[in-house]
């Protein structure tokens, strides 16, 4: 119920035709938050002192950091296009 009330308020205030724009905006915001979750996750799961035998291997850590950097790059590119691009 707590999750539905804000959605109903938004529909009442902006109408159904604006919902798609709000959905896209929410997805953009979530994508911008993703690197802030991925980098610490990779860091902690790669730590032998925290994870012990379950820690990521060097190869897996490299792949995970590479993917995290790609995500961060594309988020930076998105911000560049939004503010300075065409």
PDB file of N, CA and C in Angstrom:
ATOM      1  N   UNK A   1       0.834  -1.199   0.000  1.00  0.00           N
ATOM      2  CA  UNK A   1       0.000   0.000   0.000  1.00  0.00           C
ATOM      3  C   UNK A   1       0.872   1.253   0.000  1.00  0.00           C
ATOM      4  N   UNK A   2       1.983   1.231   0.749  1.00  0.00           N
ATOM      5  CA  UNK A   2       2.846   2.410   0.795  1.00  0.00           C
ATOM      6  C   UNK A   2       3.497   2.703  -0.557  1.00  0.00           C
ATOM      7  N   UNK A   3       3.729   1.687  -1.362  1.00  0.00           N
ATOM      8  CA  UNK A   3       4.333   1.898  -2.675  1.00  0.00           C
ATOM      9  C   UNK A   3       3.302   2.377  -3.694  1.00  0.00           C
ATOM     10  N   UNK A   4       2.060   2.046  -3.508  1.00  0.00           N
ATOM     11  CA  UNK A   4       1.016   2.402  -4.471  1.00  0.00           C
ATOM     12  C   UNK A   4       0.568   3.850  -4.305  1.00  0.00           C
ATOM     13  N   UNK A   5       0.557   4.364  -3.091  1.00  0.00           N
ATOM     14  CA  UNK A   5       0.056   5.722  -2.831  1.00  0.00           C
ATOM     15  C   UNK A   5       0.837   6.778  -3.625  1.00  0.00           C
ATOM     16  N   UNK A   6       2.179   6.786  -3.619  1.00  0.00           N
ATOM     17  CA  UNK A   6       2.883   7.787  -4.433  1.00  0.00           C
ATOM     18  C   UNK A   6       2.586   7.649  -5.923  1.00  0.00           C
ATOM     19  N   UNK A   7       2.425   6.417  -6.409  1.00  0.00           N
ATOM     20  CA  UNK A   7       2.099   6.220  -7.822  1.00  0.00           C
ATOM     21  C   UNK A   7       0.731   6.806  -8.154  1.00  0.00           C
ATOM     22  N   UNK A   8      -0.221   6.618  -7.277  1.00  0.00           N
ATOM     23  CA  UNK A   8      -1.568   7.166  -7.500  1.00  0.00           C
ATOM     24  C   UNK A   8      -1.526   8.694  -7.471  1.00  0.00           C
ATOM     25  N   UNK A   9      -0.765   9.256  -6.548  1.00  0.00           N
ATOM     26  CA  UNK A   9      -0.631  10.717  -6.468  1.00  0.00           C
ATOM     27  C   UNK A   9      -0.039  11.269  -7.765  1.00  0.00           C
ATOM     28  N   UNK A  10       0.978  10.601  -8.292  1.00  0.00           N
ATOM     29  CA  UNK A  10       1.605  11.050  -9.532  1.00  0.00           C
ATOM     30  C   UNK A  10       0.619  10.975 -10.693  1.00  0.00           C
ATOM     31  N   UNK A  11      -0.147   9.906 -10.776  1.00  0.00           N
ATOM     32  CA  UNK A  11      -1.141   9.775 -11.845  1.00  0.00           C
ATOM     33  C   UNK A  11      -2.186  10.874 -11.735  1.00  0.00           C
ATOM     34  N   UNK A  12      -2.620  11.163 -10.527  1.00  0.00           N
ATOM     35  CA  UNK A  12      -3.639  12.205 -10.342  1.00  0.00           C
ATOM     36  C   UNK A  12      -3.078  13.580 -10.703  1.00  0.00           C
ATOM     37  N   UNK A  13      -1.839  13.859 -10.300  1.00  0.00           N
ATOM     38  CA  UNK A  13      -1.247  15.175 -10.553  1.00  0.00           C
ATOM     39  C   UNK A  13      -0.852  15.390 -12.007  1.00  0.00           C
ATOM     40  N   UNK A  14      -0.273  14.373 -12.636  1.00  0.00           N
ATOM     41  CA  UNK A  14       0.285  14.551 -13.975  1.00  0.00           C
ATOM     42  C   UNK A  14      -0.533  13.908 -15.085  1.00  0.00           C
ATOM     43  N   UNK A  15      -1.410  13.008 -14.758  1.00  0.00           N
ATOM     44  CA  UNK A  15      -2.208  12.332 -15.773  1.00  0.00           C
ATOM     45  C   UNK A  15      -1.481  11.128 -16.345  1.00  0.00           C
ATOM     46  N   UNK A  16      -2.223  10.307 -17.039  1.00  0.00           N
ATOM     47  CA  UNK A  16      -1.655   9.074 -17.586  1.00  0.00           C
ATOM     48  C   UNK A  16      -0.652   9.328 -18.694  1.00  0.00           C
ATOM     49  N   UNK A  17      -0.804  10.403 -19.450  1.00  0.00           N
ATOM     50  CA  UNK A  17       0.089  10.662 -20.587  1.00  0.00           C
ATOM     51  C   UNK A  17       1.508  11.001 -20.154  1.00  0.00           C
ATOM     52  N   UNK A  18       1.702  11.426 -18.917  1.00  0.00           N
ATOM     53  CA  UNK A  18       3.036  11.764 -18.412  1.00  0.00           C
ATOM     54  C   UNK A  18       3.729  10.587 -17.725  1.00  0.00           C
ATOM     55  N   UNK A  19       3.035   9.487 -17.544  1.00  0.00           N
ATOM     56  CA  UNK A  19       3.614   8.353 -16.828  1.00  0.00           C
ATOM     57  C   UNK A  19       4.818   7.762 -17.548  1.00  0.00           C
ATOM     58  N   UNK A  20       4.777   7.713 -18.868  1.00  0.00           N
ATOM     59  CA  UNK A  20       5.908   7.134 -19.589  1.00  0.00           C
ATOM     60  C   UNK A  20       7.165   7.980 -19.400  1.00  0.00           C
ATOM     61  N   UNK A  21       7.030   9.301 -19.372  1.00  0.00           N
ATOM     62  CA  UNK A  21       8.184  10.173 -19.124  1.00  0.00           C
ATOM     63  C   UNK A  21       8.729   9.965 -17.712  1.00  0.00           C
ATOM     64  N   UNK A  22       7.835   9.813 -16.749  1.00  0.00           N
ATOM     65  CA  UNK A  22       8.268   9.576 -15.376  1.00  0.00           C
ATOM     66  C   UNK A  22       8.937   8.210 -15.227  1.00  0.00           C
ATOM     67  N   UNK A  23       8.440   7.216 -15.956  1.00  0.00           N
ATOM     68  CA  UNK A  23       9.056   5.897 -15.915  1.00  0.00           C
ATOM     69  C   UNK A  23      10.471   5.945 -16.479  1.00  0.00           C
ATOM     70  N   UNK A  24      10.646   6.631 -17.598  1.00  0.00           N
ATOM     71  CA  UNK A  24      11.981   6.768 -18.191  1.00  0.00           C
ATOM     72  C   UNK A  24      12.901   7.512 -17.229  1.00  0.00           C
ATOM     73  N   UNK A  25      12.424   8.585 -16.617  1.00  0.00           N
ATOM     74  CA  UNK A  25      13.228   9.327 -15.657  1.00  0.00           C
ATOM     75  C   UNK A  25      13.652   8.456 -14.479  1.00  0.00           C
ATOM     76  N   UNK A  26      12.733   7.644 -13.974  1.00  0.00           N
ATOM     77  CA  UNK A  26      13.079   6.771 -12.849  1.00  0.00           C
ATOM     78  C   UNK A  26      14.137   5.754 -13.258  1.00  0.00           C
ATOM     79  N   UNK A  27      14.079   5.253 -14.486  1.00  0.00           N
ATOM     80  CA  UNK A  27      15.073   4.288 -14.947  1.00  0.00           C
ATOM     81  C   UNK A  27      16.432   4.945 -15.152  1.00  0.00           C
ATOM     82  N   UNK A  28      16.453   6.180 -15.617  1.00  0.00           N
ATOM     83  CA  UNK A  28      17.713   6.915 -15.761  1.00  0.00           C
ATOM     84  C   UNK A  28      18.347   7.121 -14.393  1.00  0.00           C
ATOM     85  N   UNK A  29      17.553   7.502 -13.414  1.00  0.00           N
ATOM     86  CA  UNK A  29      18.079   7.713 -12.064  1.00  0.00           C
ATOM     87  C   UNK A  29      18.618   6.408 -11.491  1.00  0.00           C
ATOM     88  N   UNK A  30      17.896   5.315 -11.696  1.00  0.00           N
ATOM     89  CA  UNK A  30      18.383   4.019 -11.213  1.00  0.00           C
ATOM     90  C   UNK A  30      19.685   3.622 -11.900  1.00  0.00           C
ATOM     91  N   UNK A  31      19.803   3.892 -13.195  1.00  0.00           N
ATOM     92  CA  UNK A  31      21.037   3.536 -13.897  1.00  0.00           C
ATOM     93  C   UNK A  31      22.207   4.374 -13.407  1.00  0.00           C
ATOM     94  N   UNK A  32      21.960   5.615 -13.022  1.00  0.00           N
ATOM     95  CA  UNK A  32      23.025   6.459 -12.494  1.00  0.00           C
ATOM     96  C   UNK A  32      23.458   6.024 -11.096  1.00  0.00           C
ATOM     97  N   UNK A  33      22.588   5.380 -10.362  1.00  0.00           N
ATOM     98  CA  UNK A  33      22.919   4.895  -9.025  1.00  0.00           C
ATOM     99  C   UNK A  33      23.643   3.550  -9.061  1.00  0.00           C
ATOM    100  N   UNK A  34      23.557   2.847 -10.165  1.00  0.00           N
ATOM    101  CA  UNK A  34      24.110   1.501 -10.251  1.00  0.00           C
ATOM    102  C   UNK A  34      25.601   1.411  -9.945  1.00  0.00           C
ATOM    103  N   UNK A  35      26.459   2.287 -10.480  1.00  0.00           N
ATOM    104  CA  UNK A  35      27.889   2.160 -10.147  1.00  0.00           C
ATOM    105  C   UNK A  35      28.183   2.317  -8.659  1.00  0.00           C
ATOM    106  N   UNK A  36      27.384   3.102  -7.963  1.00  0.00           N
ATOM    107  CA  UNK A  36      27.597   3.293  -6.530  1.00  0.00           C
ATOM    108  C   UNK A  36      27.294   2.021  -5.737  1.00  0.00           C
ATOM    109  N   UNK A  37      26.566   1.096  -6.330  1.00  0.00           N
ATOM    110  CA  UNK A  37      26.319  -0.192  -5.700  1.00  0.00           C
ATOM    111  C   UNK A  37      27.292  -1.259  -6.204  1.00  0.00           C
ATOM    112  N   UNK A  38      27.663  -1.199  -7.481  1.00  0.00           N
ATOM    113  CA  UNK A  38      28.480  -2.252  -8.080  1.00  0.00           C
ATOM    114  C   UNK A  38      29.920  -2.208  -7.584  1.00  0.00           C
ATOM    115  N   UNK A  39      30.538  -1.022  -7.539  1.00  0.00           N
ATOM    116  CA  UNK A  39      31.943  -0.945  -7.127  1.00  0.00           C
ATOM    117  C   UNK A  39      32.165  -1.469  -5.700  1.00  0.00           C
ATOM    118  N   UNK A  40      31.375  -1.051  -4.710  1.00  0.00           N
ATOM    119  CA  UNK A  40      31.565  -1.640  -3.370  1.00  0.00           C
ATOM    120  C   UNK A  40      31.276  -3.141  -3.334  1.00  0.00           C
ATOM    121  N   UNK A  41      30.300  -3.589  -4.116  1.00  0.00           N
ATOM    122  CA  UNK A  41      29.981  -5.012  -4.153  1.00  0.00           C
ATOM    123  C   UNK A  41      31.172  -5.819  -4.665  1.00  0.00           C
ATOM    124  N   UNK A  42      31.777  -5.363  -5.742  1.00  0.00           N
ATOM    125  CA  UNK A  42      32.942  -6.063  -6.287  1.00  0.00           C
ATOM    126  C   UNK A  42      34.102  -5.992  -5.302  1.00  0.00           C
ATOM    127  N   UNK A  43      34.296  -4.847  -4.696  1.00  0.00           N
ATOM    128  CA  UNK A  43      35.387  -4.686  -3.736  1.00  0.00           C
ATOM    129  C   UNK A  43      35.240  -5.664  -2.562  1.00  0.00           C
ATOM    130  N   UNK A  44      34.070  -5.703  -1.964  1.00  0.00           N
ATOM    131  CA  UNK A  44      33.865  -6.556  -0.796  1.00  0.00           C
ATOM    132  C   UNK A  44      33.884  -8.043  -1.153  1.00  0.00           C
ATOM    133  N   UNK A  45      33.329  -8.420  -2.308  1.00  0.00           N
ATOM    134  CA  UNK A  45      33.341  -9.838  -2.671  1.00  0.00           C
ATOM    135  C   UNK A  45      34.711 -10.297  -3.159  1.00  0.00           C
ATOM    136  N   UNK A  46      35.609  -9.361  -3.431  1.00  0.00           N
ATOM    137  CA  UNK A  46      36.973  -9.710  -3.827  1.00  0.00           C
ATOM    138  C   UNK A  46      37.921  -9.759  -2.635  1.00  0.00           C
ATOM    139  N   UNK A  47      37.470  -9.355  -1.481  1.00  0.00           N
ATOM    140  CA  UNK A  47      38.308  -9.285  -0.295  1.00  0.00           C
ATOM    141  C   UNK A  47      38.419 -10.654   0.378  1.00  0.00           C
ATOM    142  N   UNK A  48      39.635 -11.186   0.432  1.00  0.00           N
ATOM    143  CA  UNK A  48      39.866 -12.479   1.092  1.00  0.00           C
ATOM    144  C   UNK A  48      39.620 -12.386   2.603  1.00  0.00           C
ATOM    145  N   UNK A  49      39.906 -11.219   3.197  1.00  0.00           N
ATOM    146  CA  UNK A  49      39.715 -11.086   4.646  1.00  0.00           C
ATOM    147  C   UNK A  49      38.232 -11.101   5.020  1.00  0.00           C
ATOM    148  N   UNK A  50      37.376 -10.636   4.124  1.00  0.00           N
ATOM    149  CA  UNK A  50      35.933 -10.618   4.411  1.00  0.00           C
ATOM    150  C   UNK A  50      35.232 -11.895   3.950  1.00  0.00           C
ATOM    151  N   UNK A  51      35.631 -12.382   2.772  1.00  0.00           N
ATOM    152  CA  UNK A  51      34.910 -13.493   2.154  1.00  0.00           C
ATOM    153  C   UNK A  51      35.581 -14.855   2.352  1.00  0.00           C
ATOM    154  N   UNK A  52      36.849 -14.849   2.759  1.00  0.00           N
ATOM    155  CA  UNK A  52      37.551 -16.117   2.953  1.00  0.00           C
ATOM    156  C   UNK A  52      37.674 -16.897   1.662  1.00  0.00           C
ATOM    157  N   UNK A  53      37.297 -18.168   1.726  1.00  0.00           N
ATOM    158  CA  UNK A  53      37.425 -19.020   0.535  1.00  0.00           C
ATOM    159  C   UNK A  53      36.409 -18.673  -0.552  1.00  0.00           C
ATOM    160  N   UNK A  54      35.414 -17.876  -0.208  1.00  0.00           N
ATOM    161  CA  UNK A  54      34.380 -17.511  -1.172  1.00  0.00           C
ATOM    162  C   UNK A  54      34.699 -16.233  -1.944  1.00  0.00           C
ATOM    163  N   UNK A  55      35.851 -15.654  -1.717  1.00  0.00           N
ATOM    164  CA  UNK A  55      36.237 -14.411  -2.392  1.00  0.00           C
ATOM    165  C   UNK A  55      36.408 -14.665  -3.884  1.00  0.00           C
ATOM    166  N   UNK A  56      36.188 -13.619  -4.660  1.00  0.00           N
ATOM    167  CA  UNK A  56      36.375 -13.705  -6.102  1.00  0.00           C
ATOM    168  C   UNK A  56      37.829 -14.010  -6.431  1.00  0.00           C
ATOM    169  N   UNK A  57      38.034 -14.737  -7.509  1.00  0.00           N
ATOM    170  CA  UNK A  57      39.391 -14.949  -7.998  1.00  0.00           C
ATOM    171  C   UNK A  57      39.895 -13.659  -8.634  1.00  0.00           C
ATOM    172  N   UNK A  58      41.187 -13.610  -8.896  1.00  0.00           N
ATOM    173  CA  UNK A  58      41.761 -12.416  -9.529  1.00  0.00           C
ATOM    174  C   UNK A  58      41.118 -12.186 -10.893  1.00  0.00           C
ATOM    175  N   UNK A  59      40.930 -13.265 -11.651  1.00  0.00           N
ATOM    176  CA  UNK A  59      40.311 -13.146 -12.971  1.00  0.00           C
ATOM    177  C   UNK A  59      38.888 -12.604 -12.861  1.00  0.00           C
ATOM    178  N   UNK A  60      38.104 -13.173 -11.954  1.00  0.00           N
ATOM    179  CA  UNK A  60      36.720 -12.722 -11.801  1.00  0.00           C
ATOM    180  C   UNK A  60      36.667 -11.275 -11.312  1.00  0.00           C
ATOM    181  N   UNK A  61      37.562 -10.898 -10.417  1.00  0.00           N
ATOM    182  CA  UNK A  61      37.619  -9.504  -9.958  1.00  0.00           C
ATOM    183  C   UNK A  61      37.931  -8.564 -11.116  1.00  0.00           C
ATOM    184  N   UNK A  62      38.873  -8.966 -11.971  1.00  0.00           N
ATOM    185  CA  UNK A  62      39.213  -8.152 -13.145  1.00  0.00           C
ATOM    186  C   UNK A  62      37.998  -7.977 -14.058  1.00  0.00           C
ATOM    187  N   UNK A  63      37.314  -9.071 -14.330  1.00  0.00           N
ATOM    188  CA  UNK A  63      36.121  -9.007 -15.191  1.00  0.00           C
ATOM    189  C   UNK A  63      35.045  -8.141 -14.545  1.00  0.00           C
ATOM    190  N   UNK A  64      34.827  -8.304 -13.245  1.00  0.00           N
ATOM    191  CA  UNK A  64      33.789  -7.539 -12.554  1.00  0.00           C
ATOM    192  C   UNK A  64      34.111  -6.052 -12.531  1.00  0.00           C
ATOM    193  N   UNK A  65      35.390  -5.704 -12.262  1.00  0.00           N
ATOM    194  CA  UNK A  65      35.768  -4.288 -12.289  1.00  0.00           C
ATOM    195  C   UNK A  65      35.669  -3.717 -13.700  1.00  0.00           C
ATOM    196  N   UNK A  66      35.996  -4.512 -14.696  1.00  0.00           N
ATOM    197  CA  UNK A  66      35.878  -4.060 -16.084  1.00  0.00           C
ATOM    198  C   UNK A  66      34.429  -3.754 -16.423  1.00  0.00           C
ATOM    199  N   UNK A  67      33.529  -4.638 -16.033  1.00  0.00           N
ATOM    200  CA  UNK A  67      32.102  -4.415 -16.277  1.00  0.00           C
ATOM    201  C   UNK A  67      31.612  -3.188 -15.518  1.00  0.00           C
ATOM    202  N   UNK A  68      32.066  -3.028 -14.275  1.00  0.00           N
ATOM    203  CA  UNK A  68      31.669  -1.854 -13.484  1.00  0.00           C
ATOM    204  C   UNK A  68      32.165  -0.576 -14.140  1.00  0.00           C
ATOM    205  N   UNK A  69      33.382  -0.593 -14.676  1.00  0.00           N
ATOM    206  CA  UNK A  69      33.910   0.589 -15.369  1.00  0.00           C
ATOM    207  C   UNK A  69      33.136   0.892 -16.650  1.00  0.00           C
ATOM    208  N   UNK A  70      32.723  -0.151 -17.361  1.00  0.00           N
ATOM    209  CA  UNK A  70      31.913   0.046 -18.568  1.00  0.00           C
ATOM    210  C   UNK A  70      30.571   0.679 -18.198  1.00  0.00           C
ATOM    211  N   UNK A  71      29.959   0.196 -17.133  1.00  0.00           N
ATOM    212  CA  UNK A  71      28.690   0.775 -16.669  1.00  0.00           C
ATOM    213  C   UNK A  71      28.885   2.245 -16.304  1.00  0.00           C
ATOM    214  N   UNK A  72      29.938   2.539 -15.556  1.00  0.00           N
ATOM    215  CA  UNK A  72      30.202   3.929 -15.159  1.00  0.00           C
ATOM    216  C   UNK A  72      30.497   4.800 -16.376  1.00  0.00           C
ATOM    217  N   UNK A  73      31.238   4.257 -17.342  1.00  0.00           N
ATOM    218  CA  UNK A  73      31.532   5.025 -18.560  1.00  0.00           C
ATOM    219  C   UNK A  73      30.253   5.394 -19.295  1.00  0.00           C
ATOM    220  N   UNK A  74      29.373   4.409 -19.500  1.00  0.00           N
ATOM    221  CA  UNK A  74      28.143   4.698 -20.234  1.00  0.00           C
ATOM    222  C   UNK A  74      27.221   5.640 -19.466  1.00  0.00           C
ATOM    223  N   UNK A  75      27.241   5.581 -18.147  1.00  0.00           N
ATOM    224  CA  UNK A  75      26.477   6.548 -17.368  1.00  0.00           C
ATOM    225  C   UNK A  75      27.057   7.948 -17.528  1.00  0.00           C
ATOM    226  N   UNK A  76      28.383   8.050 -17.532  1.00  0.00           N
ATOM    227  CA  UNK A  76      29.018   9.340 -17.789  1.00  0.00           C
ATOM    228  C   UNK A  76      28.702   9.844 -19.184  1.00  0.00           C
ATOM    229  N   UNK A  77      28.715   8.945 -20.147  1.00  0.00           N
ATOM    230  CA  UNK A  77      28.374   9.317 -21.526  1.00  0.00           C
ATOM    231  C   UNK A  77      26.925   9.802 -21.602  1.00  0.00           C
ATOM    232  N   UNK A  78      26.028   9.128 -20.898  1.00  0.00           N
ATOM    233  CA  UNK A  78      24.625   9.553 -20.856  1.00  0.00           C
ATOM    234  C   UNK A  78      24.509  10.971 -20.298  1.00  0.00           C
ATOM    235  N   UNK A  79      25.213  11.236 -19.202  1.00  0.00           N
ATOM    236  CA  UNK A  79      25.166  12.579 -18.628  1.00  0.00           C
ATOM    237  C   UNK A  79      25.744  13.614 -19.584  1.00  0.00           C
ATOM    238  N   UNK A  80      26.830  13.266 -20.260  1.00  0.00           N
ATOM    239  CA  UNK A  80      27.413  14.178 -21.237  1.00  0.00           C
ATOM    240  C   UNK A  80      26.400  14.501 -22.340  1.00  0.00           C
ATOM    241  N   UNK A  81      25.751  13.474 -22.870  1.00  0.00           N
ATOM    242  CA  UNK A  81      24.777  13.697 -23.936  1.00  0.00           C
ATOM    243  C   UNK A  81      23.591  14.531 -23.473  1.00  0.00           C
ATOM    244  N   UNK A  82      23.177  14.309 -22.238  1.00  0.00           N
ATOM    245  CA  UNK A  82      22.031  15.058 -21.721  1.00  0.00           C
ATOM    246  C   UNK A  82      22.365  16.540 -21.577  1.00  0.00           C
ATOM    247  N   UNK A  83      23.543  16.846 -21.040  1.00  0.00           N
ATOM    248  CA  UNK A  83      23.856  18.233 -20.717  1.00  0.00           C
ATOM    249  C   UNK A  83      24.621  18.975 -21.800  1.00  0.00           C
ATOM    250  N   UNK A  84      25.496  18.296 -22.554  1.00  0.00           N
ATOM    251  CA  UNK A  84      26.329  18.998 -23.516  1.00  0.00           C
ATOM    252  C   UNK A  84      26.242  18.455 -24.928  1.00  0.00           C
ATOM    253  N   UNK A  85      25.659  17.287 -25.109  1.00  0.00           N
ATOM    254  CA  UNK A  85      25.590  16.665 -26.419  1.00  0.00           C
ATOM    255  C   UNK A  85      24.411  17.139 -27.234  1.00  0.00           C
ATOM    256  N   UNK A  86      24.282  16.544 -28.386  1.00  0.00           N
ATOM    257  CA  UNK A  86      23.151  16.891 -29.257  1.00  0.00           C
ATOM    258  C   UNK A  86      22.215  15.723 -29.402  1.00  0.00           C
TER     259      UNK A  86
END
